[in-house]
């Protein structure tokens, strides 16, 4: 099985080049055929040299969704064709916590597309424990950004109680900006008090496909993000 994708070379941070190579088939891992992968600002930071590269050459992209194309040895509970989101990182397996089996609290988490190859590609290899099943009623282009753009701030902004605690901390005339992920409707409290305090609440509650721009050329997406063209929530690449 082969994979191809744009990669960043260490000597010239701005340079993208295409490469083709064969997948390994490690135990407890699987190969996923990529459907969509987001372009994140951290990808841009690696390309322009803001973030130092961890490898001489690496394929970028860490917000990926797709289907399982091939199972690794010893993998159970999954089948080829299953729709999945790939984790944006993996445990190192060598730190004290990992050696004790506490990989959730790995001390040296490896970030996808920085420490190892990412998903601006046709296929990627992922650990079985790092996959999340995507329900049939969720589109893969929506699922792709869950691995980072949604999951990163989820604990901070996804709970009704967190929203209300944050609003309490805002001073007179202050603004609270939130991203809504909670099934419960948040409350601003008594409207009269809210008005007297002159507070402002800004937010984005969910998103639709019209908020996502899908491209087939990653270089075009990089340019649009660098120039801040348009107003998409996320730019996705479709291999």
C-alpha atoms as a PDB file:
ATOM      1  CA  UNK A   1       0.000   0.000   0.000  1.00  0.00           C
ATOM      2  CA  UNK A   2       1.386   3.382  -0.936  1.00  0.00           C
ATOM      3  CA  UNK A   3       0.785   6.824   0.368  1.00  0.00           C
ATOM      4  CA  UNK A   4       1.586  10.218  -1.007  1.00  0.00           C
ATOM      5  CA  UNK A   5       1.340  13.656   0.484  1.00  0.00           C
ATOM      6  CA  UNK A   6       3.008  17.068   0.691  1.00  0.00           C
ATOM      7  CA  UNK A   7       5.835  17.192   3.179  1.00  0.00           C
ATOM      8  CA  UNK A   8       7.934  19.896   4.796  1.00  0.00           C
ATOM      9  CA  UNK A   9      11.705  19.703   4.517  1.00  0.00           C
ATOM     10  CA  UNK A  10      13.787  20.940   7.444  1.00  0.00           C
ATOM     11  CA  UNK A  11      16.379  23.043   5.523  1.00  0.00           C
ATOM     12  CA  UNK A  12      13.723  25.093   3.690  1.00  0.00           C
ATOM     13  CA  UNK A  13      10.614  25.596   5.877  1.00  0.00           C
ATOM     14  CA  UNK A  14       8.568  27.131   3.065  1.00  0.00           C
ATOM     15  CA  UNK A  15       9.124  24.266   0.650  1.00  0.00           C
ATOM     16  CA  UNK A  16       6.436  21.648   0.095  1.00  0.00           C
ATOM     17  CA  UNK A  17       7.215  18.580  -1.927  1.00  0.00           C
ATOM     18  CA  UNK A  18       5.399  15.368  -2.774  1.00  0.00           C
ATOM     19  CA  UNK A  19       6.705  11.930  -1.887  1.00  0.00           C
ATOM     20  CA  UNK A  20       5.478   8.351  -2.223  1.00  0.00           C
ATOM     21  CA  UNK A  21       6.365   5.571   0.199  1.00  0.00           C
ATOM     22  CA  UNK A  22       5.054   2.313   1.600  1.00  0.00           C
ATOM     23  CA  UNK A  23       3.084   1.952   4.800  1.00  0.00           C
ATOM     24  CA  UNK A  24       4.408  -0.096   7.682  1.00  0.00           C
ATOM     25  CA  UNK A  25       1.964  -2.500   9.288  1.00  0.00           C
ATOM     26  CA  UNK A  26       2.709  -2.311  13.031  1.00  0.00           C
ATOM     27  CA  UNK A  27       0.836  -4.412  15.551  1.00  0.00           C
ATOM     28  CA  UNK A  28      -2.114  -2.628  17.173  1.00  0.00           C
ATOM     29  CA  UNK A  29      -2.248  -0.116  14.330  1.00  0.00           C
ATOM     30  CA  UNK A  30      -4.291   0.303  11.227  1.00  0.00           C
ATOM     31  CA  UNK A  31      -4.113   2.092   7.908  1.00  0.00           C
ATOM     32  CA  UNK A  32      -6.815   4.676   7.275  1.00  0.00           C
ATOM     33  CA  UNK A  33      -7.826   6.055   3.894  1.00  0.00           C
ATOM     34  CA  UNK A  34      -8.141   9.797   4.365  1.00  0.00           C
ATOM     35  CA  UNK A  35     -11.391  11.475   3.337  1.00  0.00           C
ATOM     36  CA  UNK A  36     -10.680  14.993   4.634  1.00  0.00           C
ATOM     37  CA  UNK A  37      -7.910  16.719   6.568  1.00  0.00           C
ATOM     38  CA  UNK A  38      -7.901  20.250   7.941  1.00  0.00           C
ATOM     39  CA  UNK A  39      -5.292  22.957   7.493  1.00  0.00           C
ATOM     40  CA  UNK A  40      -4.434  24.356  10.922  1.00  0.00           C
ATOM     41  CA  UNK A  41      -2.463  27.467  11.848  1.00  0.00           C
ATOM     42  CA  UNK A  42       0.053  25.205  13.544  1.00  0.00           C
ATOM     43  CA  UNK A  43       0.663  23.661  10.111  1.00  0.00           C
ATOM     44  CA  UNK A  44       1.445  27.137   8.805  1.00  0.00           C
ATOM     45  CA  UNK A  45       3.734  27.756  11.762  1.00  0.00           C
ATOM     46  CA  UNK A  46       5.773  24.695  10.870  1.00  0.00           C
ATOM     47  CA  UNK A  47       5.940  25.697   7.213  1.00  0.00           C
ATOM     48  CA  UNK A  48       7.075  29.268   7.912  1.00  0.00           C
ATOM     49  CA  UNK A  49       9.542  28.232  10.587  1.00  0.00           C
ATOM     50  CA  UNK A  50       7.717  29.641  13.632  1.00  0.00           C
ATOM     51  CA  UNK A  51       7.636  26.123  15.096  1.00  0.00           C
ATOM     52  CA  UNK A  52      10.971  24.300  14.851  1.00  0.00           C
ATOM     53  CA  UNK A  53      10.731  21.009  12.938  1.00  0.00           C
ATOM     54  CA  UNK A  54      11.150  17.797  14.913  1.00  0.00           C
ATOM     55  CA  UNK A  55      12.085  15.715  11.861  1.00  0.00           C
ATOM     56  CA  UNK A  56      14.090  16.472   8.710  1.00  0.00           C
ATOM     57  CA  UNK A  57      11.016  15.740   6.555  1.00  0.00           C
ATOM     58  CA  UNK A  58       7.431  15.219   7.735  1.00  0.00           C
ATOM     59  CA  UNK A  59       3.989  14.985   6.129  1.00  0.00           C
ATOM     60  CA  UNK A  60       1.680  17.502   7.763  1.00  0.00           C
ATOM     61  CA  UNK A  61      -2.027  17.451   8.654  1.00  0.00           C
ATOM     62  CA  UNK A  62      -3.489  16.393  11.993  1.00  0.00           C
ATOM     63  CA  UNK A  63      -7.255  16.950  11.624  1.00  0.00           C
ATOM     64  CA  UNK A  64      -8.237  13.854   9.695  1.00  0.00           C
ATOM     65  CA  UNK A  65     -11.273  11.696   9.035  1.00  0.00           C
ATOM     66  CA  UNK A  66     -11.586   8.666   6.818  1.00  0.00           C
ATOM     67  CA  UNK A  67     -12.253   4.946   6.643  1.00  0.00           C
ATOM     68  CA  UNK A  68     -10.195   1.977   7.784  1.00  0.00           C
ATOM     69  CA  UNK A  69      -8.427   0.524   4.769  1.00  0.00           C
ATOM     70  CA  UNK A  70      -6.370  -2.183   6.448  1.00  0.00           C
ATOM     71  CA  UNK A  71      -6.147  -3.656   9.935  1.00  0.00           C
ATOM     72  CA  UNK A  72      -2.868  -4.228  11.743  1.00  0.00           C
ATOM     73  CA  UNK A  73      -1.960  -7.504  13.422  1.00  0.00           C
ATOM     74  CA  UNK A  74      -3.881  -8.207  16.619  1.00  0.00           C
ATOM     75  CA  UNK A  75      -6.454  -5.432  16.185  1.00  0.00           C
ATOM     76  CA  UNK A  76      -9.973  -6.306  17.355  1.00  0.00           C
ATOM     77  CA  UNK A  77     -13.249  -4.391  17.518  1.00  0.00           C
ATOM     78  CA  UNK A  78     -12.757  -2.708  14.167  1.00  0.00           C
ATOM     79  CA  UNK A  79     -13.387  -3.637  10.545  1.00  0.00           C
ATOM     80  CA  UNK A  80     -12.244  -2.397   7.175  1.00  0.00           C
ATOM     81  CA  UNK A  81     -14.568   0.360   6.003  1.00  0.00           C
ATOM     82  CA  UNK A  82     -15.333   1.688   9.490  1.00  0.00           C
ATOM     83  CA  UNK A  83     -15.606   5.491   9.516  1.00  0.00           C
ATOM     84  CA  UNK A  84     -13.138   7.061  11.954  1.00  0.00           C
ATOM     85  CA  UNK A  85     -11.441  10.196  13.221  1.00  0.00           C
ATOM     86  CA  UNK A  86      -7.705   9.869  13.766  1.00  0.00           C
ATOM     87  CA  UNK A  87      -6.224  11.201  17.013  1.00  0.00           C
ATOM     88  CA  UNK A  88      -3.963  14.220  16.595  1.00  0.00           C
ATOM     89  CA  UNK A  89      -1.278  12.651  18.777  1.00  0.00           C
ATOM     90  CA  UNK A  90      -0.083   9.426  20.363  1.00  0.00           C
ATOM     91  CA  UNK A  91       1.679   8.351  23.561  1.00  0.00           C
ATOM     92  CA  UNK A  92       5.428   7.910  23.422  1.00  0.00           C
ATOM     93  CA  UNK A  93       5.221   4.410  25.075  1.00  0.00           C
ATOM     94  CA  UNK A  94       8.613   4.959  26.752  1.00  0.00           C
ATOM     95  CA  UNK A  95       8.075   7.504  29.575  1.00  0.00           C
ATOM     96  CA  UNK A  96       7.464   6.302  33.170  1.00  0.00           C
ATOM     97  CA  UNK A  97       3.701   6.764  32.894  1.00  0.00           C
ATOM     98  CA  UNK A  98       3.466   4.857  29.617  1.00  0.00           C
ATOM     99  CA  UNK A  99       5.576   2.022  31.004  1.00  0.00           C
ATOM    100  CA  UNK A 100       3.097   1.763  33.894  1.00  0.00           C
ATOM    101  CA  UNK A 101       0.256   1.501  31.380  1.00  0.00           C
ATOM    102  CA  UNK A 102      -0.982   5.051  32.073  1.00  0.00           C
ATOM    103  CA  UNK A 103      -0.706   6.232  28.466  1.00  0.00           C
ATOM    104  CA  UNK A 104      -3.478   8.798  28.919  1.00  0.00           C
ATOM    105  CA  UNK A 105      -1.045  10.804  31.047  1.00  0.00           C
ATOM    106  CA  UNK A 106       1.973  10.336  28.786  1.00  0.00           C
ATOM    107  CA  UNK A 107       4.740  12.777  29.713  1.00  0.00           C
ATOM    108  CA  UNK A 108       6.060  13.065  26.161  1.00  0.00           C
ATOM    109  CA  UNK A 109       3.029  12.997  23.871  1.00  0.00           C
ATOM    110  CA  UNK A 110       4.000  12.865  20.212  1.00  0.00           C
ATOM    111  CA  UNK A 111       2.051  15.277  18.023  1.00  0.00           C
ATOM    112  CA  UNK A 112       0.853  14.085  14.642  1.00  0.00           C
ATOM    113  CA  UNK A 113       2.436  15.931  11.698  1.00  0.00           C
ATOM    114  CA  UNK A 114       5.301  17.078  13.917  1.00  0.00           C
ATOM    115  CA  UNK A 115       6.812  13.996  15.556  1.00  0.00           C
ATOM    116  CA  UNK A 116       5.476  11.613  12.918  1.00  0.00           C
ATOM    117  CA  UNK A 117       3.773  11.781   9.527  1.00  0.00           C
ATOM    118  CA  UNK A 118       0.350  13.348   9.318  1.00  0.00           C
ATOM    119  CA  UNK A 119      -2.647  13.122   7.013  1.00  0.00           C
ATOM    120  CA  UNK A 120      -2.180  15.495   4.093  1.00  0.00           C
ATOM    121  CA  UNK A 121      -2.086  12.258   2.203  1.00  0.00           C
ATOM    122  CA  UNK A 122      -4.132   9.469   0.712  1.00  0.00           C
ATOM    123  CA  UNK A 123      -3.477   7.147   3.662  1.00  0.00           C
ATOM    124  CA  UNK A 124      -2.113   7.372   7.183  1.00  0.00           C
ATOM    125  CA  UNK A 125      -1.237   4.854   9.908  1.00  0.00           C
ATOM    126  CA  UNK A 126      -2.898   5.219  13.311  1.00  0.00           C
ATOM    127  CA  UNK A 127      -2.877   3.357  16.598  1.00  0.00           C
ATOM    128  CA  UNK A 128      -6.044   1.411  17.327  1.00  0.00           C
ATOM    129  CA  UNK A 129      -6.508   3.184  20.661  1.00  0.00           C
ATOM    130  CA  UNK A 130      -6.292   6.555  18.920  1.00  0.00           C
ATOM    131  CA  UNK A 131      -9.326   6.126  16.681  1.00  0.00           C
ATOM    132  CA  UNK A 132     -12.836   7.412  17.311  1.00  0.00           C
ATOM    133  CA  UNK A 133     -15.797   5.915  15.492  1.00  0.00           C
ATOM    134  CA  UNK A 134     -17.836   8.353  13.388  1.00  0.00           C
ATOM    135  CA  UNK A 135     -21.624   7.736  13.422  1.00  0.00           C
ATOM    136  CA  UNK A 136     -23.314   7.311  10.061  1.00  0.00           C
ATOM    137  CA  UNK A 137     -25.324  10.516  10.552  1.00  0.00           C
ATOM    138  CA  UNK A 138     -22.150  12.653  10.887  1.00  0.00           C
ATOM    139  CA  UNK A 139     -20.486  13.788   7.675  1.00  0.00           C
ATOM    140  CA  UNK A 140     -16.773  13.045   7.422  1.00  0.00           C
ATOM    141  CA  UNK A 141     -15.993  16.652   6.515  1.00  0.00           C
ATOM    142  CA  UNK A 142     -17.571  17.730   9.803  1.00  0.00           C
ATOM    143  CA  UNK A 143     -15.870  14.945  11.746  1.00  0.00           C
ATOM    144  CA  UNK A 144     -12.408  15.882  10.459  1.00  0.00           C
ATOM    145  CA  UNK A 145     -12.073  18.990  12.616  1.00  0.00           C
ATOM    146  CA  UNK A 146     -13.151  17.225  15.813  1.00  0.00           C
ATOM    147  CA  UNK A 147      -9.634  15.912  16.461  1.00  0.00           C
ATOM    148  CA  UNK A 148      -8.193  19.353  17.172  1.00  0.00           C
ATOM    149  CA  UNK A 149     -10.237  22.444  16.348  1.00  0.00           C
ATOM    150  CA  UNK A 150     -13.208  21.266  18.441  1.00  0.00           C
ATOM    151  CA  UNK A 151     -11.671  18.903  20.998  1.00  0.00           C
ATOM    152  CA  UNK A 152      -8.948  21.321  22.124  1.00  0.00           C
ATOM    153  CA  UNK A 153     -11.308  23.969  23.574  1.00  0.00           C
ATOM    154  CA  UNK A 154     -14.166  21.574  24.393  1.00  0.00           C
ATOM    155  CA  UNK A 155     -13.625  21.361  28.172  1.00  0.00           C
ATOM    156  CA  UNK A 156     -13.275  25.120  28.379  1.00  0.00           C
ATOM    157  CA  UNK A 157     -16.323  26.151  26.415  1.00  0.00           C
ATOM    158  CA  UNK A 158     -18.472  23.081  25.912  1.00  0.00           C
ATOM    159  CA  UNK A 159     -20.268  22.972  29.246  1.00  0.00           C
ATOM    160  CA  UNK A 160     -23.226  25.079  30.347  1.00  0.00           C
ATOM    161  CA  UNK A 161     -21.739  25.554  33.819  1.00  0.00           C
ATOM    162  CA  UNK A 162     -18.402  26.674  32.361  1.00  0.00           C
ATOM    163  CA  UNK A 163     -20.128  29.315  30.242  1.00  0.00           C
ATOM    164  CA  UNK A 164     -22.005  30.717  33.230  1.00  0.00           C
ATOM    165  CA  UNK A 165     -18.891  30.723  35.425  1.00  0.00           C
ATOM    166  CA  UNK A 166     -17.023  32.572  32.707  1.00  0.00           C
ATOM    167  CA  UNK A 167     -19.776  35.155  32.409  1.00  0.00           C
ATOM    168  CA  UNK A 168     -19.657  35.756  36.161  1.00  0.00           C
ATOM    169  CA  UNK A 169     -15.952  36.564  35.874  1.00  0.00           C
ATOM    170  CA  UNK A 170     -16.483  39.197  33.173  1.00  0.00           C
ATOM    171  CA  UNK A 171     -16.364  42.736  34.543  1.00  0.00           C
ATOM    172  CA  UNK A 172     -18.759  45.562  33.670  1.00  0.00           C
ATOM    173  CA  UNK A 173     -18.658  46.225  29.939  1.00  0.00           C
ATOM    174  CA  UNK A 174     -16.663  43.076  29.293  1.00  0.00           C
ATOM    175  CA  UNK A 175     -17.154  40.485  26.548  1.00  0.00           C
ATOM    176  CA  UNK A 176     -17.373  36.718  26.685  1.00  0.00           C
ATOM    177  CA  UNK A 177     -16.643  34.813  23.470  1.00  0.00           C
ATOM    178  CA  UNK A 178     -17.634  31.138  23.403  1.00  0.00           C
ATOM    179  CA  UNK A 179     -18.005  28.138  21.151  1.00  0.00           C
ATOM    180  CA  UNK A 180     -21.112  26.138  22.013  1.00  0.00           C
ATOM    181  CA  UNK A 181     -20.943  22.351  22.227  1.00  0.00           C
ATOM    182  CA  UNK A 182     -23.379  21.748  25.083  1.00  0.00           C
ATOM    183  CA  UNK A 183     -26.770  20.091  24.712  1.00  0.00           C
ATOM    184  CA  UNK A 184     -28.019  22.404  27.467  1.00  0.00           C
ATOM    185  CA  UNK A 185     -28.901  26.023  26.747  1.00  0.00           C
ATOM    186  CA  UNK A 186     -26.630  28.435  28.646  1.00  0.00           C
ATOM    187  CA  UNK A 187     -28.193  31.253  30.641  1.00  0.00           C
ATOM    188  CA  UNK A 188     -27.099  34.862  31.071  1.00  0.00           C
ATOM    189  CA  UNK A 189     -29.175  35.180  34.243  1.00  0.00           C
ATOM    190  CA  UNK A 190     -31.746  37.935  34.837  1.00  0.00           C
ATOM    191  CA  UNK A 191     -31.865  40.073  31.712  1.00  0.00           C
ATOM    192  CA  UNK A 192     -32.201  43.284  33.733  1.00  0.00           C
ATOM    193  CA  UNK A 193     -28.940  42.622  35.582  1.00  0.00           C
ATOM    194  CA  UNK A 194     -27.237  41.536  32.366  1.00  0.00           C
ATOM    195  CA  UNK A 195     -28.267  44.806  30.741  1.00  0.00           C
ATOM    196  CA  UNK A 196     -27.140  46.947  33.676  1.00  0.00           C
ATOM    197  CA  UNK A 197     -23.744  45.267  33.669  1.00  0.00           C
ATOM    198  CA  UNK A 198     -23.341  46.126  29.959  1.00  0.00           C
ATOM    199  CA  UNK A 199     -21.786  42.750  29.285  1.00  0.00           C
ATOM    200  CA  UNK A 200     -21.557  41.238  25.831  1.00  0.00           C
ATOM    201  CA  UNK A 201     -21.732  37.575  24.847  1.00  0.00           C
ATOM    202  CA  UNK A 202     -20.438  36.536  21.449  1.00  0.00           C
ATOM    203  CA  UNK A 203     -20.365  32.988  20.246  1.00  0.00           C
ATOM    204  CA  UNK A 204     -20.687  30.357  17.624  1.00  0.00           C
ATOM    205  CA  UNK A 205     -23.134  27.541  18.274  1.00  0.00           C
ATOM    206  CA  UNK A 206     -22.261  24.648  15.995  1.00  0.00           C
ATOM    207  CA  UNK A 207     -21.485  24.827  12.300  1.00  0.00           C
ATOM    208  CA  UNK A 208     -22.821  23.646   8.962  1.00  0.00           C
ATOM    209  CA  UNK A 209     -21.119  22.502   5.788  1.00  0.00           C
ATOM    210  CA  UNK A 210     -21.365  25.998   4.321  1.00  0.00           C
ATOM    211  CA  UNK A 211     -18.893  27.058   7.022  1.00  0.00           C
ATOM    212  CA  UNK A 212     -16.284  24.564   5.780  1.00  0.00           C
ATOM    213  CA  UNK A 213     -14.286  25.105   2.597  1.00  0.00           C
ATOM    214  CA  UNK A 214     -13.048  21.943   0.884  1.00  0.00           C
ATOM    215  CA  UNK A 215     -10.129  21.999  -1.558  1.00  0.00           C
ATOM    216  CA  UNK A 216      -8.124  19.384  -3.425  1.00  0.00           C
ATOM    217  CA  UNK A 217      -4.920  21.436  -3.634  1.00  0.00           C
ATOM    218  CA  UNK A 218      -3.311  21.908  -0.222  1.00  0.00           C
ATOM    219  CA  UNK A 219      -1.066  24.715  -1.482  1.00  0.00           C
ATOM    220  CA  UNK A 220      -4.157  26.763  -2.393  1.00  0.00           C
ATOM    221  CA  UNK A 221      -5.543  26.220   1.102  1.00  0.00           C
ATOM    222  CA  UNK A 222      -2.280  27.310   2.681  1.00  0.00           C
ATOM    223  CA  UNK A 223      -2.277  30.521   0.639  1.00  0.00           C
ATOM    224  CA  UNK A 224      -5.897  31.302   1.533  1.00  0.00           C
ATOM    225  CA  UNK A 225      -5.195  30.780   5.228  1.00  0.00           C
ATOM    226  CA  UNK A 226      -2.031  32.883   5.124  1.00  0.00           C
ATOM    227  CA  UNK A 227      -3.866  35.712   3.359  1.00  0.00           C
ATOM    228  CA  UNK A 228      -6.982  35.239   5.538  1.00  0.00           C
ATOM    229  CA  UNK A 229      -9.210  35.034   2.483  1.00  0.00           C
ATOM    230  CA  UNK A 230     -12.895  34.333   3.045  1.00  0.00           C
ATOM    231  CA  UNK A 231     -14.487  33.392   6.346  1.00  0.00           C
ATOM    232  CA  UNK A 232     -14.580  29.602   6.684  1.00  0.00           C
ATOM    233  CA  UNK A 233     -14.451  27.948  10.086  1.00  0.00           C
ATOM    234  CA  UNK A 234     -12.008  25.465   8.638  1.00  0.00           C
ATOM    235  CA  UNK A 235     -10.312  24.762   5.312  1.00  0.00           C
ATOM    236  CA  UNK A 236     -10.198  21.045   4.514  1.00  0.00           C
ATOM    237  CA  UNK A 237      -8.102  19.166   1.989  1.00  0.00           C
ATOM    238  CA  UNK A 238      -9.640  16.251   0.118  1.00  0.00           C
ATOM    239  CA  UNK A 239      -6.971  13.870  -1.256  1.00  0.00           C
END
